[in-house]
Amino acid sequence: MYIQNKNGEIDTYSCTFHPPASKSDIERLESEIGINIPLDYRNFLETCNGCSLFDHTLYGGENITSVALMFSESS
């Protein structure tokens, strides 16, 4: 996607959505953190297990971590 900045320059950005989390991954996360995930966040994970929003080649973007990545970082 193209976004125009305040100086009138147009930059290219992208959004990437990960494949859905499995039910077992979500249950493992709930077990690890000791609480049930809110329904809206569970629906998000079942739709796309994390995403990268507004990625720019120089500036990066906003990352929403996947369930699998949460476990790989804590190991």
PDB file of N, CA and C in Angstrom:
ATOM      1  N   MET A   1       0.848  -1.162   0.000  1.00  0.00           N
ATOM      2  CA  MET A   1       0.000   0.000   0.000  1.00  0.00           C
ATOM      3  C   MET A   1       0.893   1.224   0.000  1.00  0.00           C
ATOM      4  N   TYR A   2       0.359   2.323  -0.485  1.00  0.00           N
ATOM      5  CA  TYR A   2       1.101   3.580  -0.555  1.00  0.00           C
ATOM      6  C   TYR A   2       0.498   4.567   0.441  1.00  0.00           C
ATOM      7  N   ILE A   3       1.392   5.232   1.185  1.00  0.00           N
ATOM      8  CA  ILE A   3       0.948   6.237   2.153  1.00  0.00           C
ATOM      9  C   ILE A   3       1.764   7.498   1.914  1.00  0.00           C
ATOM     10  N   GLN A   4       1.051   8.621   1.852  1.00  0.00           N
ATOM     11  CA  GLN A   4       1.705   9.905   1.638  1.00  0.00           C
ATOM     12  C   GLN A   4       2.049  10.516   2.992  1.00  0.00           C
ATOM     13  N   ASN A   5       3.313  10.924   3.158  1.00  0.00           N
ATOM     14  CA  ASN A   5       3.712  11.535   4.430  1.00  0.00           C
ATOM     15  C   ASN A   5       3.414  13.032   4.419  1.00  0.00           C
ATOM     16  N   LYS A   6       3.715  13.707   5.532  1.00  0.00           N
ATOM     17  CA  LYS A   6       3.353  15.122   5.670  1.00  0.00           C
ATOM     18  C   LYS A   6       4.100  16.028   4.692  1.00  0.00           C
ATOM     19  N   ASN A   7       5.211  15.525   4.111  1.00  0.00           N
ATOM     20  CA  ASN A   7       5.972  16.311   3.124  1.00  0.00           C
ATOM     21  C   ASN A   7       5.500  16.055   1.698  1.00  0.00           C
ATOM     22  N   GLY A   8       4.476  15.222   1.543  1.00  0.00           N
ATOM     23  CA  GLY A   8       3.943  14.927   0.227  1.00  0.00           C
ATOM     24  C   GLY A   8       4.613  13.756  -0.460  1.00  0.00           C
ATOM     25  N   GLU A   9       5.644  13.173   0.176  1.00  0.00           N
ATOM     26  CA  GLU A   9       6.326  12.021  -0.406  1.00  0.00           C
ATOM     27  C   GLU A   9       5.488  10.772  -0.190  1.00  0.00           C
ATOM     28  N   ILE A  10       5.533   9.875  -1.155  1.00  0.00           N
ATOM     29  CA  ILE A  10       4.756   8.642  -1.058  1.00  0.00           C
ATOM     30  C   ILE A  10       5.701   7.483  -0.775  1.00  0.00           C
ATOM     31  N   ASP A  11       5.409   6.737   0.285  1.00  0.00           N
ATOM     32  CA  ASP A  11       6.191   5.565   0.670  1.00  0.00           C
ATOM     33  C   ASP A  11       5.355   4.307   0.500  1.00  0.00           C
ATOM     34  N   THR A  12       6.043   3.188   0.296  1.00  0.00           N
ATOM     35  CA  THR A  12       5.389   1.899   0.140  1.00  0.00           C
ATOM     36  C   THR A  12       5.450   1.140   1.464  1.00  0.00           C
ATOM     37  N   TYR A  13       4.319   0.629   1.904  1.00  0.00           N
ATOM     38  CA  TYR A  13       4.208  -0.159   3.126  1.00  0.00           C
ATOM     39  C   TYR A  13       3.498  -1.468   2.802  1.00  0.00           C
ATOM     40  N   SER A  14       3.681  -2.457   3.661  1.00  0.00           N
ATOM     41  CA  SER A  14       2.982  -3.729   3.474  1.00  0.00           C
ATOM     42  C   SER A  14       2.464  -4.239   4.811  1.00  0.00           C
ATOM     43  N   CYS A  15       1.486  -5.109   4.745  1.00  0.00           N
ATOM     44  CA  CYS A  15       0.932  -5.777   5.920  1.00  0.00           C
ATOM     45  C   CYS A  15       0.978  -7.276   5.656  1.00  0.00           C
ATOM     46  N   THR A  16       1.457  -8.050   6.640  1.00  0.00           N
ATOM     47  CA  THR A  16       1.576  -9.496   6.505  1.00  0.00           C
ATOM     48  C   THR A  16       0.867 -10.155   7.679  1.00  0.00           C
ATOM     49  N   PHE A  17      -0.009 -11.102   7.375  1.00  0.00           N
ATOM     50  CA  PHE A  17      -0.734 -11.828   8.414  1.00  0.00           C
ATOM     51  C   PHE A  17      -0.272 -13.278   8.417  1.00  0.00           C
ATOM     52  N   HIS A  18       0.000 -13.820   9.606  1.00  0.00           N
ATOM     53  CA  HIS A  18       0.487 -15.189   9.751  1.00  0.00           C
ATOM     54  C   HIS A  18      -0.677 -16.181   9.671  1.00  0.00           C
ATOM     55  N   PRO A  19      -0.371 -17.446   9.376  1.00  0.00           N
ATOM     56  CA  PRO A  19      -1.429 -18.480   9.382  1.00  0.00           C
ATOM     57  C   PRO A  19      -2.056 -18.593  10.771  1.00  0.00           C
ATOM     58  N   PRO A  20      -3.270 -19.123  10.866  1.00  0.00           N
ATOM     59  CA  PRO A  20      -3.973 -19.241  12.148  1.00  0.00           C
ATOM     60  C   PRO A  20      -3.205 -20.082  13.178  1.00  0.00           C
ATOM     61  N   ALA A  21      -3.411 -19.761  14.453  1.00  0.00           N
ATOM     62  CA  ALA A  21      -2.874 -20.578  15.538  1.00  0.00           C
ATOM     63  C   ALA A  21      -3.757 -21.808  15.707  1.00  0.00           C
ATOM     64  N   SER A  22      -3.136 -22.909  16.109  1.00  0.00           N
ATOM     65  CA  SER A  22      -3.919 -24.115  16.354  1.00  0.00           C
ATOM     66  C   SER A  22      -4.613 -23.997  17.714  1.00  0.00           C
ATOM     67  N   LYS A  23      -5.650 -24.774  17.876  1.00  0.00           N
ATOM     68  CA  LYS A  23      -6.371 -24.779  19.154  1.00  0.00           C
ATOM     69  C   LYS A  23      -5.430 -25.192  20.280  1.00  0.00           C
ATOM     70  N   SER A  24      -4.551 -26.159  20.013  1.00  0.00           N
ATOM     71  CA  SER A  24      -3.618 -26.620  21.049  1.00  0.00           C
ATOM     72  C   SER A  24      -2.611 -25.528  21.419  1.00  0.00           C
ATOM     73  N   ASP A  25      -2.167 -24.713  20.439  1.00  0.00           N
ATOM     74  CA  ASP A  25      -1.264 -23.596  20.741  1.00  0.00           C
ATOM     75  C   ASP A  25      -1.946 -22.567  21.643  1.00  0.00           C
ATOM     76  N   ILE A  26      -3.198 -22.277  21.352  1.00  0.00           N
ATOM     77  CA  ILE A  26      -3.941 -21.306  22.156  1.00  0.00           C
ATOM     78  C   ILE A  26      -4.155 -21.850  23.567  1.00  0.00           C
ATOM     79  N   GLU A  27      -4.507 -23.123  23.676  1.00  0.00           N
ATOM     80  CA  GLU A  27      -4.697 -23.737  24.997  1.00  0.00           C
ATOM     81  C   GLU A  27      -3.380 -23.758  25.775  1.00  0.00           C
ATOM     82  N   ARG A  28      -2.276 -24.009  25.090  1.00  0.00           N
ATOM     83  CA  ARG A  28      -0.967 -24.005  25.757  1.00  0.00           C
ATOM     84  C   ARG A  28      -0.642 -22.607  26.279  1.00  0.00           C
ATOM     85  N   LEU A  29      -0.929 -21.590  25.473  1.00  0.00           N
ATOM     86  CA  LEU A  29      -0.699 -20.210  25.907  1.00  0.00           C
ATOM     87  C   LEU A  29      -1.522 -19.901  27.154  1.00  0.00           C
ATOM     88  N   GLU A  30      -2.797 -20.263  27.137  1.00  0.00           N
ATOM     89  CA  GLU A  30      -3.658 -20.020  28.300  1.00  0.00           C
ATOM     90  C   GLU A  30      -3.125 -20.733  29.535  1.00  0.00           C
ATOM     91  N   SER A  31      -2.630 -21.952  29.352  1.00  0.00           N
ATOM     92  CA  SER A  31      -2.062 -22.706  30.469  1.00  0.00           C
ATOM     93  C   SER A  31      -0.808 -22.018  31.003  1.00  0.00           C
ATOM     94  N   GLU A  32       0.043 -21.548  30.095  1.00  0.00           N
ATOM     95  CA  GLU A  32       1.293 -20.879  30.487  1.00  0.00           C
ATOM     96  C   GLU A  32       1.041 -19.586  31.259  1.00  0.00           C
ATOM     97  N   ILE A  33       0.056 -18.793  30.809  1.00  0.00           N
ATOM     98  CA  ILE A  33      -0.173 -17.496  31.448  1.00  0.00           C
ATOM     99  C   ILE A  33      -1.189 -17.581  32.590  1.00  0.00           C
ATOM    100  N   GLY A  34      -1.887 -18.717  32.683  1.00  0.00           N
ATOM    101  CA  GLY A  34      -2.792 -18.935  33.802  1.00  0.00           C
ATOM    102  C   GLY A  34      -4.131 -18.238  33.721  1.00  0.00           C
ATOM    103  N   ILE A  35      -4.511 -17.764  32.543  1.00  0.00           N
ATOM    104  CA  ILE A  35      -5.816 -17.134  32.360  1.00  0.00           C
ATOM    105  C   ILE A  35      -6.394 -17.528  30.996  1.00  0.00           C
ATOM    106  N   ASN A  36      -7.704 -17.379  30.853  1.00  0.00           N
ATOM    107  CA  ASN A  36      -8.336 -17.589  29.556  1.00  0.00           C
ATOM    108  C   ASN A  36      -8.182 -16.320  28.727  1.00  0.00           C
ATOM    109  N   ILE A  37      -7.827 -16.508  27.474  1.00  0.00           N
ATOM    110  CA  ILE A  37      -7.667 -15.388  26.558  1.00  0.00           C
ATOM    111  C   ILE A  37      -9.054 -14.819  26.247  1.00  0.00           C
ATOM    112  N   PRO A  38      -9.206 -13.494  26.208  1.00  0.00           N
ATOM    113  CA  PRO A  38     -10.497 -12.902  25.833  1.00  0.00           C
ATOM    114  C   PRO A  38     -10.947 -13.405  24.454  1.00  0.00           C
ATOM    115  N   LEU A  39     -12.245 -13.558  24.287  1.00  0.00           N
ATOM    116  CA  LEU A  39     -12.811 -14.130  23.071  1.00  0.00           C
ATOM    117  C   LEU A  39     -12.372 -13.376  21.813  1.00  0.00           C
ATOM    118  N   ASP A  40     -12.327 -12.055  21.855  1.00  0.00           N
ATOM    119  CA  ASP A  40     -11.938 -11.312  20.649  1.00  0.00           C
ATOM    120  C   ASP A  40     -10.486 -11.578  20.263  1.00  0.00           C
ATOM    121  N   TYR A  41      -9.595 -11.734  21.261  1.00  0.00           N
ATOM    122  CA  TYR A  41      -8.195 -12.041  20.946  1.00  0.00           C
ATOM    123  C   TYR A  41      -8.061 -13.486  20.481  1.00  0.00           C
ATOM    124  N   ARG A  42      -8.824 -14.394  21.069  1.00  0.00           N
ATOM    125  CA  ARG A  42      -8.836 -15.793  20.618  1.00  0.00           C
ATOM    126  C   ARG A  42      -9.282 -15.853  19.159  1.00  0.00           C
ATOM    127  N   ASN A  43     -10.315 -15.104  18.811  1.00  0.00           N
ATOM    128  CA  ASN A  43     -10.785 -15.062  17.419  1.00  0.00           C
ATOM    129  C   ASN A  43      -9.692 -14.532  16.489  1.00  0.00           C
ATOM    130  N   PHE A  44      -8.961 -13.520  16.942  1.00  0.00           N
ATOM    131  CA  PHE A  44      -7.845 -12.985  16.153  1.00  0.00           C
ATOM    132  C   PHE A  44      -6.800 -14.067  15.918  1.00  0.00           C
ATOM    133  N   LEU A  45      -6.401 -14.778  16.985  1.00  0.00           N
ATOM    134  CA  LEU A  45      -5.390 -15.829  16.851  1.00  0.00           C
ATOM    135  C   LEU A  45      -5.865 -16.963  15.952  1.00  0.00           C
ATOM    136  N   GLU A  46      -7.158 -17.283  16.017  1.00  0.00           N
ATOM    137  CA  GLU A  46      -7.700 -18.342  15.171  1.00  0.00           C
ATOM    138  C   GLU A  46      -7.813 -17.898  13.710  1.00  0.00           C
ATOM    139  N   THR A  47      -7.792 -16.588  13.471  1.00  0.00           N
ATOM    140  CA  THR A  47      -7.851 -16.048  12.111  1.00  0.00           C
ATOM    141  C   THR A  47      -6.450 -15.831  11.555  1.00  0.00           C
ATOM    142  N   CYS A  48      -5.609 -15.166  12.334  1.00  0.00           N
ATOM    143  CA  CYS A  48      -4.203 -14.948  11.949  1.00  0.00           C
ATOM    144  C   CYS A  48      -3.380 -14.887  13.231  1.00  0.00           C
ATOM    145  N   ASN A  49      -2.411 -15.739  13.303  1.00  0.00           N
ATOM    146  CA  ASN A  49      -1.585 -15.880  14.496  1.00  0.00           C
ATOM    147  C   ASN A  49      -0.471 -14.837  14.474  1.00  0.00           C
ATOM    148  N   GLY A  50      -0.847 -13.587  14.650  1.00  0.00           N
ATOM    149  CA  GLY A  50       0.109 -12.496  14.631  1.00  0.00           C
ATOM    150  C   GLY A  50       0.178 -11.850  13.261  1.00  0.00           C
ATOM    151  N   CYS A  51       0.767 -10.670  13.218  1.00  0.00           N
ATOM    152  CA  CYS A  51       0.871  -9.952  11.954  1.00  0.00           C
ATOM    153  C   CYS A  51       1.933  -8.868  12.059  1.00  0.00           C
ATOM    154  N   SER A  52       2.319  -8.370  10.906  1.00  0.00           N
ATOM    155  CA  SER A  52       3.205  -7.205  10.797  1.00  0.00           C
ATOM    156  C   SER A  52       2.428  -6.147  10.038  1.00  0.00           C
ATOM    157  N   LEU A  53       2.251  -4.994  10.651  1.00  0.00           N
ATOM    158  CA  LEU A  53       1.444  -3.936  10.041  1.00  0.00           C
ATOM    159  C   LEU A  53       2.320  -2.759   9.624  1.00  0.00           C
ATOM    160  N   PHE A  54       2.031  -2.221   8.471  1.00  0.00           N
ATOM    161  CA  PHE A  54       2.689  -1.025   7.949  1.00  0.00           C
ATOM    162  C   PHE A  54       4.209  -1.176   7.914  1.00  0.00           C
ATOM    163  N   ASP A  55       4.684  -2.329   7.414  1.00  0.00           N
ATOM    164  CA  ASP A  55       6.126  -2.556   7.273  1.00  0.00           C
ATOM    165  C   ASP A  55       6.697  -1.647   6.191  1.00  0.00           C
ATOM    166  N   HIS A  56       7.810  -1.036   6.509  1.00  0.00           N
ATOM    167  CA  HIS A  56       8.536  -0.183   5.573  1.00  0.00           C
ATOM    168  C   HIS A  56       9.962  -0.721   5.494  1.00  0.00           C
ATOM    169  N   THR A  57      10.567  -0.698   4.314  1.00  0.00           N
ATOM    170  CA  THR A  57      11.899  -1.278   4.162  1.00  0.00           C
ATOM    171  C   THR A  57      12.955  -0.593   5.030  1.00  0.00           C
ATOM    172  N   LEU A  58      12.804   0.686   5.321  1.00  0.00           N
ATOM    173  CA  LEU A  58      13.777   1.392   6.157  1.00  0.00           C
ATOM    174  C   LEU A  58      13.351   1.521   7.612  1.00  0.00           C
ATOM    175  N   TYR A  59      12.056   1.726   7.837  1.00  0.00           N
ATOM    176  CA  TYR A  59      11.586   2.093   9.170  1.00  0.00           C
ATOM    177  C   TYR A  59      10.966   0.949   9.955  1.00  0.00           C
ATOM    178  N   GLY A  60      10.779  -0.213   9.357  1.00  0.00           N
ATOM    179  CA  GLY A  60      10.145  -1.325  10.055  1.00  0.00           C
ATOM    180  C   GLY A  60       8.640  -1.143  10.098  1.00  0.00           C
ATOM    181  N   GLY A  61       8.027  -1.687  11.143  1.00  0.00           N
ATOM    182  CA  GLY A  61       6.575  -1.607  11.263  1.00  0.00           C
ATOM    183  C   GLY A  61       6.135  -2.012  12.656  1.00  0.00           C
ATOM    184  N   GLU A  62       4.865  -2.311  12.770  1.00  0.00           N
ATOM    185  CA  GLU A  62       4.277  -2.743  14.031  1.00  0.00           C
ATOM    186  C   GLU A  62       4.085  -4.256  13.966  1.00  0.00           C
ATOM    187  N   ASN A  63       4.664  -4.981  14.905  1.00  0.00           N
ATOM    188  CA  ASN A  63       4.541  -6.433  14.921  1.00  0.00           C
ATOM    189  C   ASN A  63       3.666  -6.884  16.075  1.00  0.00           C
ATOM    190  N   ILE A  64       2.732  -7.760  15.759  1.00  0.00           N
ATOM    191  CA  ILE A  64       1.904  -8.404  16.768  1.00  0.00           C
ATOM    192  C   ILE A  64       2.371  -9.852  16.813  1.00  0.00           C
ATOM    193  N   THR A  65       2.955 -10.248  17.927  1.00  0.00           N
ATOM    194  CA  THR A  65       3.639 -11.528  18.049  1.00  0.00           C
ATOM    195  C   THR A  65       2.699 -12.710  17.952  1.00  0.00           C
ATOM    196  N   SER A  66       3.158 -13.743  17.284  1.00  0.00           N
ATOM    197  CA  SER A  66       2.391 -14.982  17.181  1.00  0.00           C
ATOM    198  C   SER A  66       2.560 -15.813  18.448  1.00  0.00           C
ATOM    199  N   VAL A  67       1.631 -16.731  18.683  1.00  0.00           N
ATOM    200  CA  VAL A  67       1.692 -17.613  19.851  1.00  0.00           C
ATOM    201  C   VAL A  67       2.949 -18.444  19.805  1.00  0.00           C
ATOM    202  N   ALA A  68       3.306 -18.992  18.644  1.00  0.00           N
ATOM    203  CA  ALA A  68       4.508 -19.830  18.524  1.00  0.00           C
ATOM    204  C   ALA A  68       5.756 -19.043  18.871  1.00  0.00           C
ATOM    205  N   LEU A  69       5.828 -17.783  18.454  1.00  0.00           N
ATOM    206  CA  LEU A  69       6.988 -16.954  18.755  1.00  0.00           C
ATOM    207  C   LEU A  69       7.093 -16.674  20.248  1.00  0.00           C
ATOM    208  N   MET A  70       5.974 -16.516  20.931  1.00  0.00           N
ATOM    209  CA  MET A  70       5.985 -16.308  22.381  1.00  0.00           C
ATOM    210  C   MET A  70       6.686 -17.471  23.084  1.00  0.00           C
ATOM    211  N   PHE A  71       6.409 -18.690  22.639  1.00  0.00           N
ATOM    212  CA  PHE A  71       7.001 -19.860  23.266  1.00  0.00           C
ATOM    213  C   PHE A  71       8.471 -20.013  22.890  1.00  0.00           C
ATOM    214  N   SER A  72       8.850 -19.679  21.666  1.00  0.00           N
ATOM    215  CA  SER A  72      10.261 -19.825  21.263  1.00  0.00           C
ATOM    216  C   SER A  72      11.141 -18.818  21.989  1.00  0.00           C
ATOM    217  N   GLU A  73      10.605 -17.644  22.330  1.00  0.00           N
ATOM    218  CA  GLU A  73      11.380 -16.639  23.052  1.00  0.00           C
ATOM    219  C   GLU A  73      11.544 -16.983  24.527  1.00  0.00           C
ATOM    220  N   SER A  74      10.596 -17.731  25.091  1.00  0.00           N
ATOM    221  CA  SER A  74      10.670 -18.043  26.523  1.00  0.00           C
ATOM    222  C   SER A  74      11.469 -19.314  26.798  1.00  0.00           C
ATOM    223  N   SER A  75      11.824 -20.054  25.756  1.00  0.00           N
ATOM    224  CA  SER A  75      12.565 -21.311  25.928  1.00  0.00           C
ATOM    225  C   SER A  75      14.042 -21.073  26.065  1.00  0.00           C
TER     226      SER A  75
END
